[in-house]
């Protein structure tokens, strides 16, 4: 394989210099790449730490500053996740959520809807509700009115509301109590007047 060299003349400090361009340029690029690689490797190489002696006054100043910071963190406590979620601040300051469990419907569909605990928002005042002129139903400007969240347990719903910083109330469900009845009780003797059941 033949390599051709061409000469270029440059003027530097009154003298003419001859550069063999292809090979020299490649060697300079290789050296630059090697320097950059070594510099990057030195940044990730672990270095021994340097221990310095700290005077007693400096140590007191550092410990005092650290104590003030810790005290401020204890005053604030855990910040609610609502601050970084992007939701409006009024959800924390003005709204109250309700944690409840649905009652059994009057239909024969069973009690499957009672398995979950739900979380919804309170209804705002009259300023956010108006009567629709077309149909007559109540319209609302509340963007959280139709939002309902489901949880498997009451504790999970409470923990979520506390983590978000919401004010909440818990409504305990009414437990149905069944009394045992026999058909023979219809014929028991009872003192007093006879009971007449009239349907008309």
Foldseek 3Di string as FASTA:
>chain_A
DDDDFDWDWDDDPNDTDTDRPPVVVVVVVVVVVVVVVVVVVVVPDDDDDDDDDDDPVRVVVVVVVVVVVVVVCVVVDDDAPLVVPPDDPCQQVPKEKEKEFDDDDPDPPDCPSRQKIKIAIDDDDPVQWDADPPPGDIDGPDPRHPDMDIDRDPVVVVVNCVNNNHHYDYDYDDDDDDDDDDPCVVVDDDDDDDDDDDDD
